[in-house]
Amino acid sequence: MPRIGRLTVPVADLEEAIGFYGGVLGFRVLFDEVLASGFRSVHVGPGAVDGPGLWLMPVADGRAGSRTAGAPLLVLYSDDLDADLGRLAGAGVVPHLGPVGEPGARYAHVRDPWGNEIVFAETPRG
């Protein structure tokens, strides 16, 4: 059975994207190498290199963030939505929707610096 490897996230600047997805969201760099073709391949994620992650894809045409026709690109689960939104606010990213919902099942919509829509969904603590 297939498993999720990487989701491609279009960004305009790789260094800034590493700072946002790594520094602000807390993901770590799983892979960062310049390939033989000269293309720099950068993958970030919350776990191990063989776990699910994001492939930060540089887009030079100014279309980063406009490839999903306004639909969310990514849903991230959160153990503490308020803490995550506070960390995002510290980086200048504020929700344009939410937080809404009941405690333990709230969500909020934000956009990364390139306009990619991200949903933060609070999951019940077990």
PDB file of N, CA and C in Angstrom:
ATOM      1  N   MET A   1       0.853  -1.178   0.000  1.00  0.00           N
ATOM      2  CA  MET A   1       0.000   0.000   0.000  1.00  0.00           C
ATOM      3  C   MET A   1       0.898   1.241   0.000  1.00  0.00           C
ATOM      4  N   PRO A   2       0.589   2.231  -0.809  1.00  0.00           N
ATOM      5  CA  PRO A   2       1.380   3.461  -0.834  1.00  0.00           C
ATOM      6  C   PRO A   2       1.262   4.212   0.488  1.00  0.00           C
ATOM      7  N   ARG A   3       2.236   5.054   0.768  1.00  0.00           N
ATOM      8  CA  ARG A   3       2.187   5.928   1.934  1.00  0.00           C
ATOM      9  C   ARG A   3       2.602   7.325   1.513  1.00  0.00           C
ATOM     10  N   ILE A   4       2.198   8.299   2.263  1.00  0.00           N
ATOM     11  CA  ILE A   4       2.501   9.681   1.919  1.00  0.00           C
ATOM     12  C   ILE A   4       3.981   9.945   2.145  1.00  0.00           C
ATOM     13  N   GLY A   5       4.608  10.537   1.128  1.00  0.00           N
ATOM     14  CA  GLY A   5       6.020  10.898   1.231  1.00  0.00           C
ATOM     15  C   GLY A   5       6.180  12.390   1.387  1.00  0.00           C
ATOM     16  N   ARG A   6       5.968  13.148   0.305  1.00  0.00           N
ATOM     17  CA  ARG A   6       6.139  14.595   0.330  1.00  0.00           C
ATOM     18  C   ARG A   6       4.960  15.273  -0.361  1.00  0.00           C
ATOM     19  N   LEU A   7       4.592  16.412   0.174  1.00  0.00           N
ATOM     20  CA  LEU A   7       3.643  17.314  -0.456  1.00  0.00           C
ATOM     21  C   LEU A   7       4.464  18.478  -0.978  1.00  0.00           C
ATOM     22  N   THR A   8       4.280  18.848  -2.220  1.00  0.00           N
ATOM     23  CA  THR A   8       5.040  19.942  -2.811  1.00  0.00           C
ATOM     24  C   THR A   8       4.397  21.270  -2.456  1.00  0.00           C
ATOM     25  N   VAL A   9       5.196  22.178  -1.888  1.00  0.00           N
ATOM     26  CA  VAL A   9       4.718  23.498  -1.481  1.00  0.00           C
ATOM     27  C   VAL A   9       5.455  24.548  -2.308  1.00  0.00           C
ATOM     28  N   PRO A  10       4.735  25.275  -3.163  1.00  0.00           N
ATOM     29  CA  PRO A  10       5.388  26.307  -3.973  1.00  0.00           C
ATOM     30  C   PRO A  10       5.737  27.529  -3.134  1.00  0.00           C
ATOM     31  N   VAL A  11       6.994  27.960  -3.233  1.00  0.00           N
ATOM     32  CA  VAL A  11       7.486  29.121  -2.487  1.00  0.00           C
ATOM     33  C   VAL A  11       8.328  29.978  -3.421  1.00  0.00           C
ATOM     34  N   ALA A  12       8.483  31.244  -3.070  1.00  0.00           N
ATOM     35  CA  ALA A  12       9.279  32.147  -3.907  1.00  0.00           C
ATOM     36  C   ALA A  12      10.741  32.191  -3.486  1.00  0.00           C
ATOM     37  N   ASP A  13      11.034  31.832  -2.221  1.00  0.00           N
ATOM     38  CA  ASP A  13      12.395  31.944  -1.709  1.00  0.00           C
ATOM     39  C   ASP A  13      12.673  30.779  -0.764  1.00  0.00           C
ATOM     40  N   LEU A  14      13.647  29.939  -1.113  1.00  0.00           N
ATOM     41  CA  LEU A  14      13.920  28.751  -0.307  1.00  0.00           C
ATOM     42  C   LEU A  14      14.409  29.082   1.095  1.00  0.00           C
ATOM     43  N   GLU A  15      15.297  30.045   1.237  1.00  0.00           N
ATOM     44  CA  GLU A  15      15.817  30.372   2.562  1.00  0.00           C
ATOM     45  C   GLU A  15      14.696  30.889   3.469  1.00  0.00           C
ATOM     46  N   GLU A  16      13.857  31.751   2.930  1.00  0.00           N
ATOM     47  CA  GLU A  16      12.733  32.266   3.703  1.00  0.00           C
ATOM     48  C   GLU A  16      11.768  31.135   4.045  1.00  0.00           C
ATOM     49  N   ALA A  17      11.562  30.214   3.122  1.00  0.00           N
ATOM     50  CA  ALA A  17      10.672  29.079   3.364  1.00  0.00           C
ATOM     51  C   ALA A  17      11.231  28.163   4.447  1.00  0.00           C
ATOM     52  N   ILE A  18      12.531  27.935   4.441  1.00  0.00           N
ATOM     53  CA  ILE A  18      13.145  27.137   5.508  1.00  0.00           C
ATOM     54  C   ILE A  18      12.939  27.834   6.844  1.00  0.00           C
ATOM     55  N   GLY A  19      13.074  29.154   6.858  1.00  0.00           N
ATOM     56  CA  GLY A  19      12.849  29.905   8.082  1.00  0.00           C
ATOM     57  C   GLY A  19      11.419  29.814   8.576  1.00  0.00           C
ATOM     58  N   PHE A  20      10.463  29.879   7.645  1.00  0.00           N
ATOM     59  CA  PHE A  20       9.058  29.806   8.041  1.00  0.00           C
ATOM     60  C   PHE A  20       8.685  28.393   8.469  1.00  0.00           C
ATOM     61  N   TYR A  21       8.885  27.431   7.582  1.00  0.00           N
ATOM     62  CA  TYR A  21       8.460  26.068   7.895  1.00  0.00           C
ATOM     63  C   TYR A  21       9.340  25.409   8.960  1.00  0.00           C
ATOM     64  N   GLY A  22      10.607  25.809   9.012  1.00  0.00           N
ATOM     65  CA  GLY A  22      11.500  25.281  10.042  1.00  0.00           C
ATOM     66  C   GLY A  22      11.407  26.066  11.330  1.00  0.00           C
ATOM     67  N   GLY A  23      11.688  27.361  11.261  1.00  0.00           N
ATOM     68  CA  GLY A  23      11.736  28.173  12.467  1.00  0.00           C
ATOM     69  C   GLY A  23      10.386  28.442  13.082  1.00  0.00           C
ATOM     70  N   VAL A  24       9.413  28.860  12.285  1.00  0.00           N
ATOM     71  CA  VAL A  24       8.103  29.239  12.817  1.00  0.00           C
ATOM     72  C   VAL A  24       7.259  28.003  13.129  1.00  0.00           C
ATOM     73  N   LEU A  25       7.189  27.063  12.187  1.00  0.00           N
ATOM     74  CA  LEU A  25       6.361  25.874  12.411  1.00  0.00           C
ATOM     75  C   LEU A  25       7.092  24.774  13.185  1.00  0.00           C
ATOM     76  N   GLY A  26       8.412  24.869  13.272  1.00  0.00           N
ATOM     77  CA  GLY A  26       9.159  23.892  14.052  1.00  0.00           C
ATOM     78  C   GLY A  26       9.539  22.629  13.308  1.00  0.00           C
ATOM     79  N   PHE A  27       9.355  22.602  11.981  1.00  0.00           N
ATOM     80  CA  PHE A  27       9.805  21.439  11.218  1.00  0.00           C
ATOM     81  C   PHE A  27      11.319  21.465  11.103  1.00  0.00           C
ATOM     82  N   ARG A  28      11.890  20.336  10.834  1.00  0.00           N
ATOM     83  CA  ARG A  28      13.342  20.288  10.634  1.00  0.00           C
ATOM     84  C   ARG A  28      13.651  19.998   9.176  1.00  0.00           C
ATOM     85  N   VAL A  29      14.829  20.387   8.762  1.00  0.00           N
ATOM     86  CA  VAL A  29      15.257  20.112   7.391  1.00  0.00           C
ATOM     87  C   VAL A  29      15.582  18.620   7.301  1.00  0.00           C
ATOM     88  N   LEU A  30      14.886  17.926   6.428  1.00  0.00           N
ATOM     89  CA  LEU A  30      15.093  16.492   6.231  1.00  0.00           C
ATOM     90  C   LEU A  30      16.097  16.217   5.119  1.00  0.00           C
ATOM     91  N   PHE A  31      16.153  17.143   4.147  1.00  0.00           N
ATOM     92  CA  PHE A  31      17.035  16.954   2.989  1.00  0.00           C
ATOM     93  C   PHE A  31      17.281  18.324   2.390  1.00  0.00           C
ATOM     94  N   ASP A  32      18.529  18.632   2.110  1.00  0.00           N
ATOM     95  CA  ASP A  32      18.878  19.911   1.479  1.00  0.00           C
ATOM     96  C   ASP A  32      20.154  19.693   0.684  1.00  0.00           C
ATOM     97  N   GLU A  33      19.998  19.473  -0.605  1.00  0.00           N
ATOM     98  CA  GLU A  33      21.150  19.231  -1.471  1.00  0.00           C
ATOM     99  C   GLU A  33      20.920  19.843  -2.846  1.00  0.00           C
ATOM    100  N   VAL A  34      22.014  20.260  -3.456  1.00  0.00           N
ATOM    101  CA  VAL A  34      21.966  20.688  -4.848  1.00  0.00           C
ATOM    102  C   VAL A  34      22.206  19.450  -5.689  1.00  0.00           C
ATOM    103  N   LEU A  35      21.259  19.125  -6.548  1.00  0.00           N
ATOM    104  CA  LEU A  35      21.345  17.930  -7.376  1.00  0.00           C
ATOM    105  C   LEU A  35      22.288  18.167  -8.551  1.00  0.00           C
ATOM    106  N   ALA A  36      22.643  17.101  -9.252  1.00  0.00           N
ATOM    107  CA  ALA A  36      23.559  17.199 -10.396  1.00  0.00           C
ATOM    108  C   ALA A  36      23.046  18.184 -11.450  1.00  0.00           C
ATOM    109  N   SER A  37      21.747  18.341 -11.533  1.00  0.00           N
ATOM    110  CA  SER A  37      21.150  19.261 -12.510  1.00  0.00           C
ATOM    111  C   SER A  37      21.306  20.727 -12.096  1.00  0.00           C
ATOM    112  N   GLY A  38      21.766  20.957 -10.856  1.00  0.00           N
ATOM    113  CA  GLY A  38      21.874  22.311 -10.328  1.00  0.00           C
ATOM    114  C   GLY A  38      20.656  22.731  -9.522  1.00  0.00           C
ATOM    115  N   PHE A  39      19.629  21.891  -9.468  1.00  0.00           N
ATOM    116  CA  PHE A  39      18.408  22.184  -8.727  1.00  0.00           C
ATOM    117  C   PHE A  39      18.631  21.909  -7.244  1.00  0.00           C
ATOM    118  N   ARG A  40      18.273  22.871  -6.392  1.00  0.00           N
ATOM    119  CA  ARG A  40      18.374  22.673  -4.945  1.00  0.00           C
ATOM    120  C   ARG A  40      17.077  22.051  -4.447  1.00  0.00           C
ATOM    121  N   SER A  41      17.196  20.873  -3.872  1.00  0.00           N
ATOM    122  CA  SER A  41      16.046  20.136  -3.370  1.00  0.00           C
ATOM    123  C   SER A  41      16.025  20.250  -1.853  1.00  0.00           C
ATOM    124  N   VAL A  42      14.940  20.838  -1.318  1.00  0.00           N
ATOM    125  CA  VAL A  42      14.807  21.045   0.124  1.00  0.00           C
ATOM    126  C   VAL A  42      13.516  20.403   0.600  1.00  0.00           C
ATOM    127  N   HIS A  43      13.639  19.516   1.592  1.00  0.00           N
ATOM    128  CA  HIS A  43      12.498  18.847   2.196  1.00  0.00           C
ATOM    129  C   HIS A  43      12.515  19.151   3.687  1.00  0.00           C
ATOM    130  N   VAL A  44      11.359  19.473   4.254  1.00  0.00           N
ATOM    131  CA  VAL A  44      11.234  19.712   5.687  1.00  0.00           C
ATOM    132  C   VAL A  44      10.086  18.866   6.213  1.00  0.00           C
ATOM    133  N   GLY A  45      10.109  18.595   7.505  1.00  0.00           N
ATOM    134  CA  GLY A  45       9.022  17.829   8.093  1.00  0.00           C
ATOM    135  C   GLY A  45       9.161  17.713   9.588  1.00  0.00           C
ATOM    136  N   PRO A  46       8.140  17.153  10.219  1.00  0.00           N
ATOM    137  CA  PRO A  46       8.144  17.053  11.665  1.00  0.00           C
ATOM    138  C   PRO A  46       8.876  15.833  12.216  1.00  0.00           C
ATOM    139  N   GLY A  47       9.176  14.869  11.351  1.00  0.00           N
ATOM    140  CA  GLY A  47       9.749  13.618  11.852  1.00  0.00           C
ATOM    141  C   GLY A  47      11.011  13.215  11.133  1.00  0.00           C
ATOM    142  N   ALA A  48      11.091  11.934  10.864  1.00  0.00           N
ATOM    143  CA  ALA A  48      12.274  11.341  10.242  1.00  0.00           C
ATOM    144  C   ALA A  48      12.270  11.587   8.737  1.00  0.00           C
ATOM    145  N   VAL A  49      13.431  11.393   8.137  1.00  0.00           N
ATOM    146  CA  VAL A  49      13.592  11.654   6.701  1.00  0.00           C
ATOM    147  C   VAL A  49      12.683  10.765   5.854  1.00  0.00           C
ATOM    148  N   ASP A  50      12.333   9.574   6.347  1.00  0.00           N
ATOM    149  CA  ASP A  50      11.463   8.691   5.573  1.00  0.00           C
ATOM    150  C   ASP A  50       9.987   8.866   5.920  1.00  0.00           C
ATOM    151  N   GLY A  51       9.671   9.840   6.790  1.00  0.00           N
ATOM    152  CA  GLY A  51       8.287  10.125   7.144  1.00  0.00           C
ATOM    153  C   GLY A  51       7.708  11.200   6.242  1.00  0.00           C
ATOM    154  N   PRO A  52       6.421  11.485   6.392  1.00  0.00           N
ATOM    155  CA  PRO A  52       5.792  12.530   5.585  1.00  0.00           C
ATOM    156  C   PRO A  52       6.451  13.891   5.797  1.00  0.00           C
ATOM    157  N   GLY A  53       6.494  14.663   4.736  1.00  0.00           N
ATOM    158  CA  GLY A  53       7.094  15.990   4.833  1.00  0.00           C
ATOM    159  C   GLY A  53       6.680  16.872   3.680  1.00  0.00           C
ATOM    160  N   LEU A  54       7.319  18.017   3.610  1.00  0.00           N
ATOM    161  CA  LEU A  54       7.033  19.009   2.581  1.00  0.00           C
ATOM    162  C   LEU A  54       8.266  19.196   1.713  1.00  0.00           C
ATOM    163  N   TRP A  55       8.065  19.223   0.423  1.00  0.00           N
ATOM    164  CA  TRP A  55       9.125  19.526  -0.530  1.00  0.00           C
ATOM    165  C   TRP A  55       8.923  20.968  -0.934  1.00  0.00           C
ATOM    166  N   LEU A  56       9.813  21.836  -0.501  1.00  0.00           N
ATOM    167  CA  LEU A  56       9.721  23.263  -0.794  1.00  0.00           C
ATOM    168  C   LEU A  56      10.196  23.483  -2.220  1.00  0.00           C
ATOM    169  N   MET A  57       9.275  23.897  -3.072  1.00  0.00           N
ATOM    170  CA  MET A  57       9.544  24.008  -4.499  1.00  0.00           C
ATOM    171  C   MET A  57       9.615  25.473  -4.913  1.00  0.00           C
ATOM    172  N   PRO A  58      10.807  25.940  -5.323  1.00  0.00           N
ATOM    173  CA  PRO A  58      10.911  27.340  -5.742  1.00  0.00           C
ATOM    174  C   PRO A  58      10.136  27.593  -7.032  1.00  0.00           C
ATOM    175  N   VAL A  59       9.372  28.684  -7.027  1.00  0.00           N
ATOM    176  CA  VAL A  59       8.580  29.077  -8.177  1.00  0.00           C
ATOM    177  C   VAL A  59       8.952  30.517  -8.491  1.00  0.00           C
ATOM    178  N   ALA A  60       9.521  30.738  -9.657  1.00  0.00           N
ATOM    179  CA  ALA A  60      10.030  32.067 -10.006  1.00  0.00           C
ATOM    180  C   ALA A  60       8.989  32.951 -10.673  1.00  0.00           C
ATOM    181  N   ASP A  61       7.870  32.393 -11.066  1.00  0.00           N
ATOM    182  CA  ASP A  61       6.910  33.172 -11.851  1.00  0.00           C
ATOM    183  C   ASP A  61       5.898  33.950 -11.019  1.00  0.00           C
ATOM    184  N   GLY A  62       6.109  34.026  -9.711  1.00  0.00           N
ATOM    185  CA  GLY A  62       5.195  34.769  -8.861  1.00  0.00           C
ATOM    186  C   GLY A  62       3.896  34.050  -8.580  1.00  0.00           C
ATOM    187  N   ARG A  63       3.814  32.778  -8.932  1.00  0.00           N
ATOM    188  CA  ARG A  63       2.566  32.034  -8.762  1.00  0.00           C
ATOM    189  C   ARG A  63       2.542  31.188  -7.500  1.00  0.00           C
ATOM    190  N   ALA A  64       3.534  31.322  -6.642  1.00  0.00           N
ATOM    191  CA  ALA A  64       3.487  30.582  -5.380  1.00  0.00           C
ATOM    192  C   ALA A  64       2.235  30.990  -4.637  1.00  0.00           C
ATOM    193  N   GLY A  65       1.530  30.028  -4.094  1.00  0.00           N
ATOM    194  CA  GLY A  65       0.322  30.316  -3.340  1.00  0.00           C
ATOM    195  C   GLY A  65      -0.943  30.392  -4.166  1.00  0.00           C
ATOM    196  N   SER A  66      -0.851  30.340  -5.488  1.00  0.00           N
ATOM    197  CA  SER A  66      -2.052  30.477  -6.315  1.00  0.00           C
ATOM    198  C   SER A  66      -2.384  29.188  -7.068  1.00  0.00           C
ATOM    199  N   ARG A  67      -1.814  28.106  -6.676  1.00  0.00           N
ATOM    200  CA  ARG A  67      -1.975  26.867  -7.442  1.00  0.00           C
ATOM    201  C   ARG A  67      -3.126  25.979  -6.981  1.00  0.00           C
ATOM    202  N   THR A  68      -3.809  26.355  -5.907  1.00  0.00           N
ATOM    203  CA  THR A  68      -4.896  25.511  -5.416  1.00  0.00           C
ATOM    204  C   THR A  68      -6.257  26.177  -5.569  1.00  0.00           C
ATOM    205  N   ALA A  69      -6.322  27.252  -6.317  1.00  0.00           N
ATOM    206  CA  ALA A  69      -7.578  27.965  -6.582  1.00  0.00           C
ATOM    207  C   ALA A  69      -8.300  28.355  -5.297  1.00  0.00           C
ATOM    208  N   GLY A  70      -7.525  28.714  -4.270  1.00  0.00           N
ATOM    209  CA  GLY A  70      -8.108  29.166  -3.013  1.00  0.00           C
ATOM    210  C   GLY A  70      -8.387  28.066  -2.011  1.00  0.00           C
ATOM    211  N   ALA A  71      -8.269  26.816  -2.414  1.00  0.00           N
ATOM    212  CA  ALA A  71      -8.483  25.712  -1.480  1.00  0.00           C
ATOM    213  C   ALA A  71      -7.245  25.541  -0.602  1.00  0.00           C
ATOM    214  N   PRO A  72      -7.419  24.995   0.601  1.00  0.00           N
ATOM    215  CA  PRO A  72      -6.248  24.763   1.446  1.00  0.00           C
ATOM    216  C   PRO A  72      -5.247  23.816   0.786  1.00  0.00           C
ATOM    217  N   LEU A  73      -3.992  24.147   0.932  1.00  0.00           N
ATOM    218  CA  LEU A  73      -2.913  23.305   0.429  1.00  0.00           C
ATOM    219  C   LEU A  73      -2.556  22.233   1.444  1.00  0.00           C
ATOM    220  N   LEU A  74      -2.742  22.562   2.707  1.00  0.00           N
ATOM    221  CA  LEU A  74      -2.178  21.738   3.763  1.00  0.00           C
ATOM    222  C   LEU A  74      -3.054  21.832   5.006  1.00  0.00           C
ATOM    223  N   VAL A  75      -3.238  20.710   5.699  1.00  0.00           N
ATOM    224  CA  VAL A  75      -3.884  20.697   7.000  1.00  0.00           C
ATOM    225  C   VAL A  75      -2.858  20.172   7.998  1.00  0.00           C
ATOM    226  N   LEU A  76      -2.607  20.962   9.034  1.00  0.00           N
ATOM    227  CA  LEU A  76      -1.684  20.565  10.092  1.00  0.00           C
ATOM    228  C   LEU A  76      -2.477  20.344  11.372  1.00  0.00           C
ATOM    229  N   TYR A  77      -2.223  19.232  12.058  1.00  0.00           N
ATOM    230  CA  TYR A  77      -2.874  18.964  13.328  1.00  0.00           C
ATOM    231  C   TYR A  77      -2.086  19.642  14.437  1.00  0.00           C
ATOM    232  N   SER A  78      -2.806  20.146  15.419  1.00  0.00           N
ATOM    233  CA  SER A  78      -2.202  20.880  16.511  1.00  0.00           C
ATOM    234  C   SER A  78      -2.664  20.320  17.852  1.00  0.00           C
ATOM    235  N   ASP A  79      -1.726  20.111  18.768  1.00  0.00           N
ATOM    236  CA  ASP A  79      -2.074  19.728  20.132  1.00  0.00           C
ATOM    237  C   ASP A  79      -2.496  20.948  20.945  1.00  0.00           C
ATOM    238  N   ASP A  80      -2.017  22.128  20.545  1.00  0.00           N
ATOM    239  CA  ASP A  80      -2.303  23.371  21.268  1.00  0.00           C
ATOM    240  C   ASP A  80      -2.444  24.502  20.249  1.00  0.00           C
ATOM    241  N   LEU A  81      -3.654  24.698  19.769  1.00  0.00           N
ATOM    242  CA  LEU A  81      -3.914  25.677  18.718  1.00  0.00           C
ATOM    243  C   LEU A  81      -3.519  27.085  19.152  1.00  0.00           C
ATOM    244  N   ASP A  82      -3.823  27.455  20.390  1.00  0.00           N
ATOM    245  CA  ASP A  82      -3.494  28.797  20.850  1.00  0.00           C
ATOM    246  C   ASP A  82      -1.988  29.039  20.828  1.00  0.00           C
ATOM    247  N   ALA A  83      -1.203  28.060  21.263  1.00  0.00           N
ATOM    248  CA  ALA A  83       0.254  28.204  21.241  1.00  0.00           C
ATOM    249  C   ALA A  83       0.771  28.306  19.812  1.00  0.00           C
ATOM    250  N   ASP A  84       0.238  27.478  18.914  1.00  0.00           N
ATOM    251  CA  ASP A  84       0.671  27.528  17.518  1.00  0.00           C
ATOM    252  C   ASP A  84       0.313  28.863  16.874  1.00  0.00           C
ATOM    253  N   LEU A  85      -0.900  29.345  17.148  1.00  0.00           N
ATOM    254  CA  LEU A  85      -1.297  30.637  16.586  1.00  0.00           C
ATOM    255  C   LEU A  85      -0.480  31.776  17.195  1.00  0.00           C
ATOM    256  N   GLY A  86      -0.093  31.657  18.451  1.00  0.00           N
ATOM    257  CA  GLY A  86       0.769  32.653  19.074  1.00  0.00           C
ATOM    258  C   GLY A  86       2.142  32.703  18.430  1.00  0.00           C
ATOM    259  N   ARG A  87       2.697  31.535  18.129  1.00  0.00           N
ATOM    260  CA  ARG A  87       4.005  31.463  17.456  1.00  0.00           C
ATOM    261  C   ARG A  87       3.905  32.064  16.056  1.00  0.00           C
ATOM    262  N   LEU A  88       2.824  31.777  15.362  1.00  0.00           N
ATOM    263  CA  LEU A  88       2.606  32.352  14.028  1.00  0.00           C
ATOM    264  C   LEU A  88       2.455  33.868  14.117  1.00  0.00           C
ATOM    265  N   ALA A  89       1.702  34.357  15.099  1.00  0.00           N
ATOM    266  CA  ALA A  89       1.506  35.800  15.259  1.00  0.00           C
ATOM    267  C   ALA A  89       2.841  36.493  15.490  1.00  0.00           C
ATOM    268  N   GLY A  90       3.741  35.840  16.228  1.00  0.00           N
ATOM    269  CA  GLY A  90       5.071  36.393  16.455  1.00  0.00           C
ATOM    270  C   GLY A  90       5.857  36.562  15.167  1.00  0.00           C
ATOM    271  N   ALA A  91       5.486  35.810  14.149  1.00  0.00           N
ATOM    272  CA  ALA A  91       6.134  35.917  12.834  1.00  0.00           C
ATOM    273  C   ALA A  91       5.299  36.765  11.872  1.00  0.00           C
ATOM    274  N   GLY A  92       4.246  37.394  12.397  1.00  0.00           N
ATOM    275  CA  GLY A  92       3.416  38.260  11.554  1.00  0.00           C
ATOM    276  C   GLY A  92       2.339  37.547  10.771  1.00  0.00           C
ATOM    277  N   VAL A  93       2.055  36.296  11.111  1.00  0.00           N
ATOM    278  CA  VAL A  93       1.026  35.523  10.410  1.00  0.00           C
ATOM    279  C   VAL A  93      -0.180  35.393  11.329  1.00  0.00           C
ATOM    280  N   VAL A  94      -1.307  35.951  10.903  1.00  0.00           N
ATOM    281  CA  VAL A  94      -2.521  35.895  11.724  1.00  0.00           C
ATOM    282  C   VAL A  94      -3.616  35.172  10.942  1.00  0.00           C
ATOM    283  N   PRO A  95      -4.509  34.493  11.651  1.00  0.00           N
ATOM    284  CA  PRO A  95      -5.587  33.789  10.956  1.00  0.00           C
ATOM    285  C   PRO A  95      -6.492  34.754  10.207  1.00  0.00           C
ATOM    286  N   HIS A  96      -6.935  34.353   9.040  1.00  0.00           N
ATOM    287  CA  HIS A  96      -7.961  35.111   8.337  1.00  0.00           C
ATOM    288  C   HIS A  96      -9.318  34.445   8.536  1.00  0.00           C
ATOM    289  N   LEU A  97      -9.322  33.266   9.175  1.00  0.00           N
ATOM    290  CA  LEU A  97     -10.541  32.586   9.575  1.00  0.00           C
ATOM    291  C   LEU A  97     -10.261  31.875  10.888  1.00  0.00           C
ATOM    292  N   GLY A  98     -11.045  32.152  11.885  1.00  0.00           N
ATOM    293  CA  GLY A  98     -10.915  31.453  13.150  1.00  0.00           C
ATOM    294  C   GLY A  98      -9.984  32.128  14.129  1.00  0.00           C
ATOM    295  N   PRO A  99      -9.761  31.456  15.216  1.00  0.00           N
ATOM    296  CA  PRO A  99     -10.163  30.075  15.476  1.00  0.00           C
ATOM    297  C   PRO A  99     -11.662  29.953  15.754  1.00  0.00           C
ATOM    298  N   VAL A 100     -12.209  28.859  15.262  1.00  0.00           N
ATOM    299  CA  VAL A 100     -13.622  28.543  15.468  1.00  0.00           C
ATOM    300  C   VAL A 100     -13.738  27.089  15.904  1.00  0.00           C
ATOM    301  N   GLY A 101     -14.896  26.749  16.469  1.00  0.00           N
ATOM    302  CA  GLY A 101     -15.142  25.376  16.887  1.00  0.00           C
ATOM    303  C   GLY A 101     -15.166  25.248  18.397  1.00  0.00           C
ATOM    304  N   GLU A 102     -15.312  24.039  18.857  1.00  0.00           N
ATOM    305  CA  GLU A 102     -15.379  23.706  20.273  1.00  0.00           C
ATOM    306  C   GLU A 102     -13.994  23.346  20.793  1.00  0.00           C
ATOM    307  N   PRO A 103     -13.737  23.523  22.090  1.00  0.00           N
ATOM    308  CA  PRO A 103     -12.436  23.135  22.649  1.00  0.00           C
ATOM    309  C   PRO A 103     -12.067  21.698  22.274  1.00  0.00           C
ATOM    310  N   GLY A 104     -10.850  21.528  21.805  1.00  0.00           N
ATOM    311  CA  GLY A 104     -10.375  20.220  21.370  1.00  0.00           C
ATOM    312  C   GLY A 104     -10.701  19.892  19.931  1.00  0.00           C
ATOM    313  N   ALA A 105     -11.527  20.724  19.303  1.00  0.00           N
ATOM    314  CA  ALA A 105     -11.898  20.496  17.903  1.00  0.00           C
ATOM    315  C   ALA A 105     -12.024  21.840  17.180  1.00  0.00           C
ATOM    316  N   ARG A 106     -11.106  22.745  17.474  1.00  0.00           N
ATOM    317  CA  ARG A 106     -11.117  24.056  16.835  1.00  0.00           C
ATOM    318  C   ARG A 106     -10.175  24.053  15.637  1.00  0.00           C
ATOM    319  N   TYR A 107     -10.350  25.066  14.793  1.00  0.00           N
ATOM    320  CA  TYR A 107      -9.459  25.200  13.646  1.00  0.00           C
ATOM    321  C   TYR A 107      -9.320  26.666  13.289  1.00  0.00           C
ATOM    322  N   ALA A 108      -8.271  26.952  12.526  1.00  0.00           N
ATOM    323  CA  ALA A 108      -8.024  28.305  12.026  1.00  0.00           C
ATOM    324  C   ALA A 108      -7.334  28.186  10.679  1.00  0.00           C
ATOM    325  N   HIS A 109      -7.580  29.163   9.815  1.00  0.00           N
ATOM    326  CA  HIS A 109      -6.943  29.222   8.499  1.00  0.00           C
ATOM    327  C   HIS A 109      -5.939  30.371   8.481  1.00  0.00           C
ATOM    328  N   VAL A 110      -4.736  30.069   7.999  1.00  0.00           N
ATOM    329  CA  VAL A 110      -3.703  31.088   7.815  1.00  0.00           C
ATOM    330  C   VAL A 110      -3.122  30.927   6.418  1.00  0.00           C
ATOM    331  N   ARG A 111      -2.314  31.893   6.026  1.00  0.00           N
ATOM    332  CA  ARG A 111      -1.572  31.778   4.764  1.00  0.00           C
ATOM    333  C   ARG A 111      -0.096  31.917   5.071  1.00  0.00           C
ATOM    334  N   ASP A 112       0.709  31.093   4.415  1.00  0.00           N
ATOM    335  CA  ASP A 112       2.155  31.240   4.572  1.00  0.00           C
ATOM    336  C   ASP A 112       2.590  32.512   3.842  1.00  0.00           C
ATOM    337  N   PRO A 113       3.862  32.899   3.923  1.00  0.00           N
ATOM    338  CA  PRO A 113       4.292  34.145   3.271  1.00  0.00           C
ATOM    339  C   PRO A 113       4.052  34.200   1.761  1.00  0.00           C
ATOM    340  N   TRP A 114       3.755  33.077   1.115  1.00  0.00           N
ATOM    341  CA  TRP A 114       3.537  33.046  -0.337  1.00  0.00           C
ATOM    342  C   TRP A 114       2.068  32.905  -0.691  1.00  0.00           C
ATOM    343  N   GLY A 115       1.210  32.907   0.313  1.00  0.00           N
ATOM    344  CA  GLY A 115      -0.225  32.826   0.071  1.00  0.00           C
ATOM    345  C   GLY A 115      -0.798  31.426   0.089  1.00  0.00           C
ATOM    346  N   ASN A 116       0.012  30.413   0.383  1.00  0.00           N
ATOM    347  CA  ASN A 116      -0.503  29.045   0.479  1.00  0.00           C
ATOM    348  C   ASN A 116      -1.404  28.937   1.708  1.00  0.00           C
ATOM    349  N   GLU A 117      -2.607  28.444   1.506  1.00  0.00           N
ATOM    350  CA  GLU A 117      -3.599  28.306   2.574  1.00  0.00           C
ATOM    351  C   GLU A 117      -3.277  27.087   3.433  1.00  0.00           C
ATOM    352  N   ILE A 118      -3.186  27.308   4.752  1.00  0.00           N
ATOM    353  CA  ILE A 118      -2.893  26.240   5.707  1.00  0.00           C
ATOM    354  C   ILE A 118      -3.986  26.244   6.760  1.00  0.00           C
ATOM    355  N   VAL A 119      -4.552  25.065   7.024  1.00  0.00           N
ATOM    356  CA  VAL A 119      -5.533  24.916   8.088  1.00  0.00           C
ATOM    357  C   VAL A 119      -4.822  24.280   9.282  1.00  0.00           C
ATOM    358  N   PHE A 120      -4.945  24.929  10.432  1.00  0.00           N
ATOM    359  CA  PHE A 120      -4.483  24.346  11.685  1.00  0.00           C
ATOM    360  C   PHE A 120      -5.700  23.772  12.396  1.00  0.00           C
ATOM    361  N   ALA A 121      -5.718  22.471  12.606  1.00  0.00           N
ATOM    362  CA  ALA A 121      -6.843  21.790  13.237  1.00  0.00           C
ATOM    363  C   ALA A 121      -6.402  21.230  14.576  1.00  0.00           C
ATOM    364  N   GLU A 122      -7.076  21.675  15.640  1.00  0.00           N
ATOM    365  CA  GLU A 122      -6.757  21.177  16.968  1.00  0.00           C
ATOM    366  C   GLU A 122      -7.336  19.787  17.126  1.00  0.00           C
ATOM    367  N   THR A 123      -6.532  18.880  17.597  1.00  0.00           N
ATOM    368  CA  THR A 123      -6.983  17.509  17.783  1.00  0.00           C
ATOM    369  C   THR A 123      -7.153  17.243  19.273  1.00  0.00           C
ATOM    370  N   PRO A 124      -8.108  16.412  19.630  1.00  0.00           N
ATOM    371  CA  PRO A 124      -8.311  16.104  21.052  1.00  0.00           C
ATOM    372  C   PRO A 124      -7.065  15.474  21.665  1.00  0.00           C
ATOM    373  N   ARG A 125      -6.780  15.890  22.861  1.00  0.00           N
ATOM    374  CA  ARG A 125      -5.634  15.302  23.574  1.00  0.00           C
ATOM    375  C   ARG A 125      -6.061  13.980  24.166  1.00  0.00           C
ATOM    376  N   GLY A 126      -5.172  12.995  23.992  1.00  0.00           N
ATOM    377  CA  GLY A 126      -5.523  11.665  24.458  1.00  0.00           C
ATOM    378  C   GLY A 126      -4.781  11.338  25.636  1.00  0.00           C
TER     379      GLY A 126
END
